[in-house]
Amino acid sequence: MSSEELTMPATADVADGAELTIEAATARRYAIVADVNVRSGPGTAYDKVGRLSAGTQVTIGCQQPGETVTGPTGTSKIWDRIGSGRYVSDTYVRTGSNGYVAPRC
């Protein structure tokens, strides 16, 4: 369902008179900046479960600390979960931040 199809108002009144803000459930996608191996966990010692090419768009479900990696965007211990049992180092993802951009796993 696209955000245009959302029929709920941007805000809704709750029983105590406070406002509850409703955010559209749209996932943010990020570009892979260089070819990268996809791992089964947050580190290079985990099994390789795939490979992504530069320019591929991914959705980050959550992030967690793991092995420190130096990649195209710098050095970081943050790993991005892009699917069940699928992790890439945040240093290969253009998030626009050196920190966390998604909830922790």
PDB file of N, CA and C in Angstrom:
ATOM      1  N   MET A   1       0.844  -1.167   0.000  1.00  0.00           N
ATOM      2  CA  MET A   1       0.000   0.000   0.000  1.00  0.00           C
ATOM      3  C   MET A   1       0.888   1.227   0.000  1.00  0.00           C
ATOM      4  N   SER A   2       0.678   2.133  -0.907  1.00  0.00           N
ATOM      5  CA  SER A   2       1.491   3.341  -0.989  1.00  0.00           C
ATOM      6  C   SER A   2       0.990   4.367   0.006  1.00  0.00           C
ATOM      7  N   SER A   3       1.809   5.372   0.292  1.00  0.00           N
ATOM      8  CA  SER A   3       1.408   6.404   1.249  1.00  0.00           C
ATOM      9  C   SER A   3       0.216   7.196   0.736  1.00  0.00           C
ATOM     10  N   GLU A   4       0.000   7.230  -0.591  1.00  0.00           N
ATOM     11  CA  GLU A   4      -1.146   7.942  -1.141  1.00  0.00           C
ATOM     12  C   GLU A   4      -2.449   7.224  -0.819  1.00  0.00           C
ATOM     13  N   GLU A   5      -2.378   5.911  -0.583  1.00  0.00           N
ATOM     14  CA  GLU A   5      -3.570   5.133  -0.301  1.00  0.00           C
ATOM     15  C   GLU A   5      -3.965   5.175   1.161  1.00  0.00           C
ATOM     16  N   LEU A   6      -3.126   5.749   2.021  1.00  0.00           N
ATOM     17  CA  LEU A   6      -3.412   5.826   3.434  1.00  0.00           C
ATOM     18  C   LEU A   6      -4.633   6.699   3.667  1.00  0.00           C
ATOM     19  N   THR A   7      -5.612   6.203   4.403  1.00  0.00           N
ATOM     20  CA  THR A   7      -6.823   6.976   4.639  1.00  0.00           C
ATOM     21  C   THR A   7      -6.892   7.519   6.054  1.00  0.00           C
ATOM     22  N   MET A   8      -5.938   7.163   6.914  1.00  0.00           N
ATOM     23  CA  MET A   8      -5.946   7.653   8.285  1.00  0.00           C
ATOM     24  C   MET A   8      -5.477   9.105   8.313  1.00  0.00           C
ATOM     25  N   PRO A   9      -6.024   9.913   9.219  1.00  0.00           N
ATOM     26  CA  PRO A   9      -5.552  11.289   9.330  1.00  0.00           C
ATOM     27  C   PRO A   9      -4.139  11.328   9.895  1.00  0.00           C
ATOM     28  N   ALA A  10      -3.444  12.435   9.691  1.00  0.00           N
ATOM     29  CA  ALA A  10      -2.080  12.584  10.191  1.00  0.00           C
ATOM     30  C   ALA A  10      -2.044  12.539  11.707  1.00  0.00           C
ATOM     31  N   THR A  11      -3.101  13.008  12.365  1.00  0.00           N
ATOM     32  CA  THR A  11      -3.190  12.931  13.817  1.00  0.00           C
ATOM     33  C   THR A  11      -4.559  12.409  14.198  1.00  0.00           C
ATOM     34  N   ALA A  12      -4.654  11.825  15.365  1.00  0.00           N
ATOM     35  CA  ALA A  12      -5.936  11.328  15.863  1.00  0.00           C
ATOM     36  C   ALA A  12      -6.043  11.667  17.334  1.00  0.00           C
ATOM     37  N   ASP A  13      -7.219  12.027  17.796  1.00  0.00           N
ATOM     38  CA  ASP A  13      -7.419  12.315  19.215  1.00  0.00           C
ATOM     39  C   ASP A  13      -7.477  11.010  19.994  1.00  0.00           C
ATOM     40  N   VAL A  14      -6.886  11.019  21.187  1.00  0.00           N
ATOM     41  CA  VAL A  14      -6.983   9.870  22.071  1.00  0.00           C
ATOM     42  C   VAL A  14      -7.840  10.271  23.259  1.00  0.00           C
ATOM     43  N   ALA A  15      -8.234   9.317  24.071  1.00  0.00           N
ATOM     44  CA  ALA A  15      -9.216   9.535  25.136  1.00  0.00           C
ATOM     45  C   ALA A  15      -8.867  10.677  26.085  1.00  0.00           C
ATOM     46  N   ASP A  16      -7.604  10.862  26.406  1.00  0.00           N
ATOM     47  CA  ASP A  16      -7.252  11.899  27.365  1.00  0.00           C
ATOM     48  C   ASP A  16      -7.085  13.268  26.729  1.00  0.00           C
ATOM     49  N   GLY A  17      -7.391  13.396  25.441  1.00  0.00           N
ATOM     50  CA  GLY A  17      -7.310  14.689  24.771  1.00  0.00           C
ATOM     51  C   GLY A  17      -5.963  14.969  24.145  1.00  0.00           C
ATOM     52  N   ALA A  18      -4.966  14.111  24.390  1.00  0.00           N
ATOM     53  CA  ALA A  18      -3.645  14.298  23.788  1.00  0.00           C
ATOM     54  C   ALA A  18      -3.730  13.895  22.325  1.00  0.00           C
ATOM     55  N   GLU A  19      -2.768  14.317  21.516  1.00  0.00           N
ATOM     56  CA  GLU A  19      -2.729  13.932  20.111  1.00  0.00           C
ATOM     57  C   GLU A  19      -1.733  12.818  19.906  1.00  0.00           C
ATOM     58  N   LEU A  20      -2.111  11.885  19.098  1.00  0.00           N
ATOM     59  CA  LEU A  20      -1.245  10.779  18.728  1.00  0.00           C
ATOM     60  C   LEU A  20      -0.868  10.967  17.269  1.00  0.00           C
ATOM     61  N   THR A  21       0.426  11.100  16.981  1.00  0.00           N
ATOM     62  CA  THR A  21       0.862  11.291  15.600  1.00  0.00           C
ATOM     63  C   THR A  21       1.015   9.939  14.929  1.00  0.00           C
ATOM     64  N   ILE A  22       0.441   9.813  13.755  1.00  0.00           N
ATOM     65  CA  ILE A  22       0.520   8.589  12.974  1.00  0.00           C
ATOM     66  C   ILE A  22       1.496   8.836  11.835  1.00  0.00           C
ATOM     67  N   GLU A  23       2.570   8.033  11.758  1.00  0.00           N
ATOM     68  CA  GLU A  23       3.522   8.173  10.665  1.00  0.00           C
ATOM     69  C   GLU A  23       3.224   7.134   9.607  1.00  0.00           C
ATOM     70  N   ALA A  24       3.390   7.509   8.363  1.00  0.00           N
ATOM     71  CA  ALA A  24       3.192   6.564   7.266  1.00  0.00           C
ATOM     72  C   ALA A  24       4.220   5.452   7.366  1.00  0.00           C
ATOM     73  N   ALA A  25       3.799   4.262   7.110  1.00  0.00           N
ATOM     74  CA  ALA A  25       4.673   3.092   7.216  1.00  0.00           C
ATOM     75  C   ALA A  25       5.405   2.882   5.886  1.00  0.00           C
ATOM     76  N   THR A  26       6.282   3.816   5.574  1.00  0.00           N
ATOM     77  CA  THR A  26       7.065   3.684   4.347  1.00  0.00           C
ATOM     78  C   THR A  26       8.499   3.384   4.717  1.00  0.00           C
ATOM     79  N   ALA A  27       9.045   2.348   4.145  1.00  0.00           N
ATOM     80  CA  ALA A  27      10.414   1.954   4.436  1.00  0.00           C
ATOM     81  C   ALA A  27      11.377   2.824   3.642  1.00  0.00           C
ATOM     82  N   ARG A  28      12.436   3.227   4.280  1.00  0.00           N
ATOM     83  CA  ARG A  28      13.463   4.027   3.619  1.00  0.00           C
ATOM     84  C   ARG A  28      14.475   3.087   2.980  1.00  0.00           C
ATOM     85  N   ARG A  29      14.879   3.391   1.769  1.00  0.00           N
ATOM     86  CA  ARG A  29      15.836   2.564   1.044  1.00  0.00           C
ATOM     87  C   ARG A  29      17.159   3.317   0.915  1.00  0.00           C
ATOM     88  N   TYR A  30      18.251   2.550   0.967  1.00  0.00           N
ATOM     89  CA  TYR A  30      19.597   3.114   0.911  1.00  0.00           C
ATOM     90  C   TYR A  30      20.388   2.405  -0.187  1.00  0.00           C
ATOM     91  N   ALA A  31      21.334   3.139  -0.789  1.00  0.00           N
ATOM     92  CA  ALA A  31      22.144   2.582  -1.875  1.00  0.00           C
ATOM     93  C   ALA A  31      23.408   1.915  -1.344  1.00  0.00           C
ATOM     94  N   ILE A  32      23.735   0.770  -1.928  1.00  0.00           N
ATOM     95  CA  ILE A  32      25.022   0.115  -1.699  1.00  0.00           C
ATOM     96  C   ILE A  32      26.044   0.882  -2.534  1.00  0.00           C
ATOM     97  N   VAL A  33      27.185   1.280  -1.920  1.00  0.00           N
ATOM     98  CA  VAL A  33      28.144   2.145  -2.620  1.00  0.00           C
ATOM     99  C   VAL A  33      29.246   1.380  -3.351  1.00  0.00           C
ATOM    100  N   ALA A  34      29.453   0.115  -3.026  1.00  0.00           N
ATOM    101  CA  ALA A  34      30.452  -0.718  -3.700  1.00  0.00           C
ATOM    102  C   ALA A  34      30.021  -2.169  -3.537  1.00  0.00           C
ATOM    103  N   ASP A  35      30.453  -3.027  -4.441  1.00  0.00           N
ATOM    104  CA  ASP A  35      30.105  -4.445  -4.331  1.00  0.00           C
ATOM    105  C   ASP A  35      30.470  -4.942  -2.930  1.00  0.00           C
ATOM    106  N   VAL A  36      29.568  -5.733  -2.329  1.00  0.00           N
ATOM    107  CA  VAL A  36      29.782  -6.172  -0.953  1.00  0.00           C
ATOM    108  C   VAL A  36      29.185  -7.560  -0.744  1.00  0.00           C
ATOM    109  N   ASN A  37      29.860  -8.340   0.094  1.00  0.00           N
ATOM    110  CA  ASN A  37      29.328  -9.645   0.480  1.00  0.00           C
ATOM    111  C   ASN A  37      28.246  -9.458   1.537  1.00  0.00           C
ATOM    112  N   VAL A  38      27.201 -10.253   1.458  1.00  0.00           N
ATOM    113  CA  VAL A  38      26.148 -10.288   2.470  1.00  0.00           C
ATOM    114  C   VAL A  38      26.486 -11.448   3.398  1.00  0.00           C
ATOM    115  N   ARG A  39      26.437 -11.194   4.692  1.00  0.00           N
ATOM    116  CA  ARG A  39      26.834 -12.193   5.690  1.00  0.00           C
ATOM    117  C   ARG A  39      25.636 -12.634   6.526  1.00  0.00           C
ATOM    118  N   SER A  40      25.752 -13.794   7.155  1.00  0.00           N
ATOM    119  CA  SER A  40      24.670 -14.323   7.989  1.00  0.00           C
ATOM    120  C   SER A  40      24.623 -13.668   9.369  1.00  0.00           C
ATOM    121  N   GLY A  41      25.621 -12.884   9.706  1.00  0.00           N
ATOM    122  CA  GLY A  41      25.679 -12.180  10.988  1.00  0.00           C
ATOM    123  C   GLY A  41      26.563 -10.952  10.852  1.00  0.00           C
ATOM    124  N   PRO A  42      26.724 -10.191  11.941  1.00  0.00           N
ATOM    125  CA  PRO A  42      27.430  -8.905  11.889  1.00  0.00           C
ATOM    126  C   PRO A  42      28.957  -9.005  11.955  1.00  0.00           C
ATOM    127  N   GLY A  43      29.548  -9.661  10.954  1.00  0.00           N
ATOM    128  CA  GLY A  43      30.999  -9.767  10.902  1.00  0.00           C
ATOM    129  C   GLY A  43      31.439 -10.606   9.719  1.00  0.00           C
ATOM    130  N   THR A  44      32.706 -10.449   9.334  1.00  0.00           N
ATOM    131  CA  THR A  44      33.220 -11.174   8.167  1.00  0.00           C
ATOM    132  C   THR A  44      33.474 -12.655   8.454  1.00  0.00           C
ATOM    133  N   ALA A  45      33.477 -13.070   9.725  1.00  0.00           N
ATOM    134  CA  ALA A  45      33.642 -14.486  10.058  1.00  0.00           C
ATOM    135  C   ALA A  45      32.341 -15.266   9.852  1.00  0.00           C
ATOM    136  N   TYR A  46      31.221 -14.558   9.706  1.00  0.00           N
ATOM    137  CA  TYR A  46      29.940 -15.219   9.445  1.00  0.00           C
ATOM    138  C   TYR A  46      29.902 -15.693   7.996  1.00  0.00           C
ATOM    139  N   ASP A  47      29.081 -16.700   7.744  1.00  0.00           N
ATOM    140  CA  ASP A  47      28.959 -17.247   6.392  1.00  0.00           C
ATOM    141  C   ASP A  47      28.525 -16.189   5.384  1.00  0.00           C
ATOM    142  N   LYS A  48      29.086 -16.283   4.190  1.00  0.00           N
ATOM    143  CA  LYS A  48      28.650 -15.448   3.076  1.00  0.00           C
ATOM    144  C   LYS A  48      27.349 -16.050   2.543  1.00  0.00           C
ATOM    145  N   VAL A  49      26.287 -15.230   2.496  1.00  0.00           N
ATOM    146  CA  VAL A  49      24.984 -15.726   2.039  1.00  0.00           C
ATOM    147  C   VAL A  49      24.522 -15.031   0.759  1.00  0.00           C
ATOM    148  N   GLY A  50      25.368 -14.164   0.212  1.00  0.00           N
ATOM    149  CA  GLY A  50      25.025 -13.475  -1.022  1.00  0.00           C
ATOM    150  C   GLY A  50      26.008 -12.372  -1.315  1.00  0.00           C
ATOM    151  N   ARG A  51      25.727 -11.637  -2.363  1.00  0.00           N
ATOM    152  CA  ARG A  51      26.572 -10.514  -2.772  1.00  0.00           C
ATOM    153  C   ARG A  51      25.670  -9.461  -3.396  1.00  0.00           C
ATOM    154  N   LEU A  52      25.953  -8.198  -3.102  1.00  0.00           N
ATOM    155  CA  LEU A  52      25.198  -7.085  -3.671  1.00  0.00           C
ATOM    156  C   LEU A  52      26.131  -6.219  -4.509  1.00  0.00           C
ATOM    157  N   SER A  53      25.621  -5.728  -5.606  1.00  0.00           N
ATOM    158  CA  SER A  53      26.385  -4.849  -6.481  1.00  0.00           C
ATOM    159  C   SER A  53      26.167  -3.394  -6.099  1.00  0.00           C
ATOM    160  N   ALA A  54      27.170  -2.572  -6.402  1.00  0.00           N
ATOM    161  CA  ALA A  54      27.050  -1.126  -6.187  1.00  0.00           C
ATOM    162  C   ALA A  54      25.792  -0.629  -6.891  1.00  0.00           C
ATOM    163  N   GLY A  55      25.057   0.244  -6.215  1.00  0.00           N
ATOM    164  CA  GLY A  55      23.837   0.812  -6.772  1.00  0.00           C
ATOM    165  C   GLY A  55      22.571   0.093  -6.339  1.00  0.00           C
ATOM    166  N   THR A  56      22.712  -1.120  -5.805  1.00  0.00           N
ATOM    167  CA  THR A  56      21.542  -1.850  -5.311  1.00  0.00           C
ATOM    168  C   THR A  56      20.918  -1.075  -4.157  1.00  0.00           C
ATOM    169  N   GLN A  57      19.601  -1.024  -4.119  1.00  0.00           N
ATOM    170  CA  GLN A  57      18.878  -0.360  -3.038  1.00  0.00           C
ATOM    171  C   GLN A  57      18.479  -1.400  -1.994  1.00  0.00           C
ATOM    172  N   VAL A  58      18.723  -1.089  -0.705  1.00  0.00           N
ATOM    173  CA  VAL A  58      18.364  -2.007   0.378  1.00  0.00           C
ATOM    174  C   VAL A  58      17.538  -1.270   1.422  1.00  0.00           C
ATOM    175  N   THR A  59      16.743  -2.026   2.148  1.00  0.00           N
ATOM    176  CA  THR A  59      16.002  -1.510   3.298  1.00  0.00           C
ATOM    177  C   THR A  59      16.681  -2.045   4.542  1.00  0.00           C
ATOM    178  N   ILE A  60      16.980  -1.165   5.481  1.00  0.00           N
ATOM    179  CA  ILE A  60      17.619  -1.567   6.734  1.00  0.00           C
ATOM    180  C   ILE A  60      16.524  -1.801   7.773  1.00  0.00           C
ATOM    181  N   GLY A  61      16.357  -3.061   8.176  1.00  0.00           N
ATOM    182  CA  GLY A  61      15.349  -3.388   9.179  1.00  0.00           C
ATOM    183  C   GLY A  61      15.783  -2.988  10.570  1.00  0.00           C
ATOM    184  N   CYS A  62      17.061  -3.195  10.865  1.00  0.00           N
ATOM    185  CA  CYS A  62      17.635  -2.806  12.144  1.00  0.00           C
ATOM    186  C   CYS A  62      19.151  -2.822  12.001  1.00  0.00           C
ATOM    187  N   GLN A  63      19.828  -2.302  13.011  1.00  0.00           N
ATOM    188  CA  GLN A  63      21.290  -2.238  12.997  1.00  0.00           C
ATOM    189  C   GLN A  63      21.819  -2.737  14.328  1.00  0.00           C
ATOM    190  N   GLN A  64      23.038  -3.280  14.300  1.00  0.00           N
ATOM    191  CA  GLN A  64      23.663  -3.717  15.540  1.00  0.00           C
ATOM    192  C   GLN A  64      25.179  -3.624  15.440  1.00  0.00           C
ATOM    193  N   PRO A  65      25.827  -3.502  16.597  1.00  0.00           N
ATOM    194  CA  PRO A  65      27.292  -3.473  16.569  1.00  0.00           C
ATOM    195  C   PRO A  65      27.833  -4.868  16.273  1.00  0.00           C
ATOM    196  N   GLY A  66      28.971  -4.895  15.607  1.00  0.00           N
ATOM    197  CA  GLY A  66      29.637  -6.152  15.280  1.00  0.00           C
ATOM    198  C   GLY A  66      31.097  -5.873  15.010  1.00  0.00           C
ATOM    199  N   GLU A  67      31.689  -6.647  14.125  1.00  0.00           N
ATOM    200  CA  GLU A  67      33.094  -6.480  13.760  1.00  0.00           C
ATOM    201  C   GLU A  67      33.325  -5.099  13.141  1.00  0.00           C
ATOM    202  N   THR A  68      34.401  -4.446  13.522  1.00  0.00           N
ATOM    203  CA  THR A  68      34.764  -3.165  12.926  1.00  0.00           C
ATOM    204  C   THR A  68      35.312  -3.404  11.528  1.00  0.00           C
ATOM    205  N   VAL A  69      34.777  -2.645  10.560  1.00  0.00           N
ATOM    206  CA  VAL A  69      35.149  -2.796   9.155  1.00  0.00           C
ATOM    207  C   VAL A  69      35.494  -1.424   8.585  1.00  0.00           C
ATOM    208  N   THR A  70      36.525  -1.377   7.752  1.00  0.00           N
ATOM    209  CA  THR A  70      36.830  -0.180   6.985  1.00  0.00           C
ATOM    210  C   THR A  70      36.361  -0.424   5.562  1.00  0.00           C
ATOM    211  N   GLY A  71      35.506   0.461   5.081  1.00  0.00           N
ATOM    212  CA  GLY A  71      34.944   0.321   3.746  1.00  0.00           C
ATOM    213  C   GLY A  71      34.942   1.652   3.031  1.00  0.00           C
ATOM    214  N   PRO A  72      34.198   1.757   1.952  1.00  0.00           N
ATOM    215  CA  PRO A  72      34.201   2.966   1.119  1.00  0.00           C
ATOM    216  C   PRO A  72      33.739   4.241   1.832  1.00  0.00           C
ATOM    217  N   THR A  73      32.894   4.107   2.865  1.00  0.00           N
ATOM    218  CA  THR A  73      32.410   5.313   3.542  1.00  0.00           C
ATOM    219  C   THR A  73      33.093   5.564   4.880  1.00  0.00           C
ATOM    220  N   GLY A  74      34.127   4.772   5.199  1.00  0.00           N
ATOM    221  CA  GLY A  74      34.848   4.989   6.454  1.00  0.00           C
ATOM    222  C   GLY A  74      34.994   3.712   7.249  1.00  0.00           C
ATOM    223  N   THR A  75      35.162   3.861   8.563  1.00  0.00           N
ATOM    224  CA  THR A  75      35.331   2.731   9.471  1.00  0.00           C
ATOM    225  C   THR A  75      34.192   2.735  10.473  1.00  0.00           C
ATOM    226  N   SER A  76      33.589   1.565  10.684  1.00  0.00           N
ATOM    227  CA  SER A  76      32.450   1.473  11.591  1.00  0.00           C
ATOM    228  C   SER A  76      32.292   0.050  12.097  1.00  0.00           C
ATOM    229  N   LYS A  77      31.680  -0.079  13.269  1.00  0.00           N
ATOM    230  CA  LYS A  77      31.322  -1.396  13.793  1.00  0.00           C
ATOM    231  C   LYS A  77      29.819  -1.653  13.620  1.00  0.00           C
ATOM    232  N   ILE A  78      29.114  -0.762  12.939  1.00  0.00           N
ATOM    233  CA  ILE A  78      27.678  -0.919  12.717  1.00  0.00           C
ATOM    234  C   ILE A  78      27.430  -1.855  11.533  1.00  0.00           C
ATOM    235  N   TRP A  79      26.532  -2.805  11.730  1.00  0.00           N
ATOM    236  CA  TRP A  79      26.098  -3.723  10.680  1.00  0.00           C
ATOM    237  C   TRP A  79      24.605  -3.561  10.474  1.00  0.00           C
ATOM    238  N   ASP A  80      24.200  -3.556   9.207  1.00  0.00           N
ATOM    239  CA  ASP A  80      22.808  -3.341   8.830  1.00  0.00           C
ATOM    240  C   ASP A  80      22.153  -4.674   8.489  1.00  0.00           C
ATOM    241  N   ARG A  81      21.024  -4.979   9.141  1.00  0.00           N
ATOM    242  CA  ARG A  81      20.279  -6.183   8.783  1.00  0.00           C
ATOM    243  C   ARG A  81      19.331  -5.820   7.650  1.00  0.00           C
ATOM    244  N   ILE A  82      19.515  -6.461   6.513  1.00  0.00           N
ATOM    245  CA  ILE A  82      18.718  -6.138   5.328  1.00  0.00           C
ATOM    246  C   ILE A  82      17.720  -7.253   5.009  1.00  0.00           C
ATOM    247  N   GLY A  83      17.635  -8.215   5.886  1.00  0.00           N
ATOM    248  CA  GLY A  83      16.707  -9.335   5.745  1.00  0.00           C
ATOM    249  C   GLY A  83      17.030 -10.355   6.818  1.00  0.00           C
ATOM    250  N   SER A  84      16.212 -11.367   6.945  1.00  0.00           N
ATOM    251  CA  SER A  84      16.437 -12.394   7.954  1.00  0.00           C
ATOM    252  C   SER A  84      17.755 -13.115   7.671  1.00  0.00           C
ATOM    253  N   GLY A  85      18.704 -13.012   8.613  1.00  0.00           N
ATOM    254  CA  GLY A  85      20.005 -13.643   8.430  1.00  0.00           C
ATOM    255  C   GLY A  85      20.836 -13.031   7.323  1.00  0.00           C
ATOM    256  N   ARG A  86      20.617 -11.741   7.034  1.00  0.00           N
ATOM    257  CA  ARG A  86      21.337 -11.045   5.947  1.00  0.00           C
ATOM    258  C   ARG A  86      21.857  -9.705   6.472  1.00  0.00           C
ATOM    259  N   TYR A  87      23.186  -9.590   6.584  1.00  0.00           N
ATOM    260  CA  TYR A  87      23.831  -8.392   7.129  1.00  0.00           C
ATOM    261  C   TYR A  87      24.891  -7.866   6.177  1.00  0.00           C
ATOM    262  N   VAL A  88      25.031  -6.544   6.136  1.00  0.00           N
ATOM    263  CA  VAL A  88      26.141  -5.902   5.432  1.00  0.00           C
ATOM    264  C   VAL A  88      26.723  -4.841   6.346  1.00  0.00           C
ATOM    265  N   SER A  89      28.020  -4.615   6.206  1.00  0.00           N
ATOM    266  CA  SER A  89      28.662  -3.559   6.974  1.00  0.00           C
ATOM    267  C   SER A  89      28.080  -2.210   6.555  1.00  0.00           C
ATOM    268  N   ASP A  90      27.800  -1.369   7.537  1.00  0.00           N
ATOM    269  CA  ASP A  90      27.247  -0.036   7.264  1.00  0.00           C
ATOM    270  C   ASP A  90      28.199   0.817   6.434  1.00  0.00           C
ATOM    271  N   THR A  91      29.470   0.441   6.381  1.00  0.00           N
ATOM    272  CA  THR A  91      30.450   1.203   5.607  1.00  0.00           C
ATOM    273  C   THR A  91      30.269   1.020   4.103  1.00  0.00           C
ATOM    274  N   TYR A  92      29.383   0.114   3.702  1.00  0.00           N
ATOM    275  CA  TYR A  92      29.078  -0.104   2.284  1.00  0.00           C
ATOM    276  C   TYR A  92      27.702   0.423   1.899  1.00  0.00           C
ATOM    277  N   VAL A  93      27.040   1.113   2.834  1.00  0.00           N
ATOM    278  CA  VAL A  93      25.687   1.606   2.600  1.00  0.00           C
ATOM    279  C   VAL A  93      25.677   3.124   2.765  1.00  0.00           C
ATOM    280  N   ARG A  94      25.127   3.837   1.786  1.00  0.00           N
ATOM    281  CA  ARG A  94      25.054   5.302   1.867  1.00  0.00           C
ATOM    282  C   ARG A  94      23.826   5.697   2.680  1.00  0.00           C
ATOM    283  N   THR A  95      24.027   5.876   4.000  1.00  0.00           N
ATOM    284  CA  THR A  95      22.917   6.242   4.877  1.00  0.00           C
ATOM    285  C   THR A  95      22.884   7.745   5.160  1.00  0.00           C
ATOM    286  N   GLY A  96      23.987   8.445   4.872  1.00  0.00           N
ATOM    287  CA  GLY A  96      24.050   9.868   5.179  1.00  0.00           C
ATOM    288  C   GLY A  96      24.386  10.145   6.633  1.00  0.00           C
ATOM    289  N   SER A  97      24.796   9.102   7.357  1.00  0.00           N
ATOM    290  CA  SER A  97      25.103   9.251   8.785  1.00  0.00           C
ATOM    291  C   SER A  97      26.258   8.330   9.161  1.00  0.00           C
ATOM    292  N   ASN A  98      27.029   8.735  10.168  1.00  0.00           N
ATOM    293  CA  ASN A  98      28.065   7.868  10.729  1.00  0.00           C
ATOM    294  C   ASN A  98      27.534   7.063  11.898  1.00  0.00           C
ATOM    295  N   GLY A  99      26.269   7.277  12.251  1.00  0.00           N
ATOM    296  CA  GLY A  99      25.663   6.583  13.384  1.00  0.00           C
ATOM    297  C   GLY A  99      24.487   5.727  12.953  1.00  0.00           C
ATOM    298  N   TYR A 100      23.693   5.368  13.917  1.00  0.00           N
ATOM    299  CA  TYR A 100      22.528   4.516  13.674  1.00  0.00           C
ATOM    300  C   TYR A 100      21.420   5.303  12.982  1.00  0.00           C
ATOM    301  N   VAL A 101      20.803   4.694  11.981  1.00  0.00           N
ATOM    302  CA  VAL A 101      19.671   5.303  11.268  1.00  0.00           C
ATOM    303  C   VAL A 101      18.405   4.437  11.372  1.00  0.00           C
ATOM    304  N   ALA A 102      18.539   3.315  12.074  1.00  0.00           N
ATOM    305  CA  ALA A 102      17.417   2.390  12.254  1.00  0.00           C
ATOM    306  C   ALA A 102      17.495   1.859  13.688  1.00  0.00           C
ATOM    307  N   PRO A 103      16.417   1.237  14.165  1.00  0.00           N
ATOM    308  CA  PRO A 103      16.465   0.678  15.528  1.00  0.00           C
ATOM    309  C   PRO A 103      17.542  -0.387  15.644  1.00  0.00           C
ATOM    310  N   ARG A 104      17.987  -0.610  16.862  1.00  0.00           N
ATOM    311  CA  ARG A 104      18.962  -1.683  17.089  1.00  0.00           C
ATOM    312  C   ARG A 104      18.260  -3.036  17.065  1.00  0.00           C
ATOM    313  N   CYS A 105      18.978  -4.032  16.539  1.00  0.00           N
ATOM    314  CA  CYS A 105      18.429  -5.398  16.459  1.00  0.00           C
ATOM    315  C   CYS A 105      18.394  -6.021  17.853  1.00  0.00           C
TER     316      CYS A 105
END
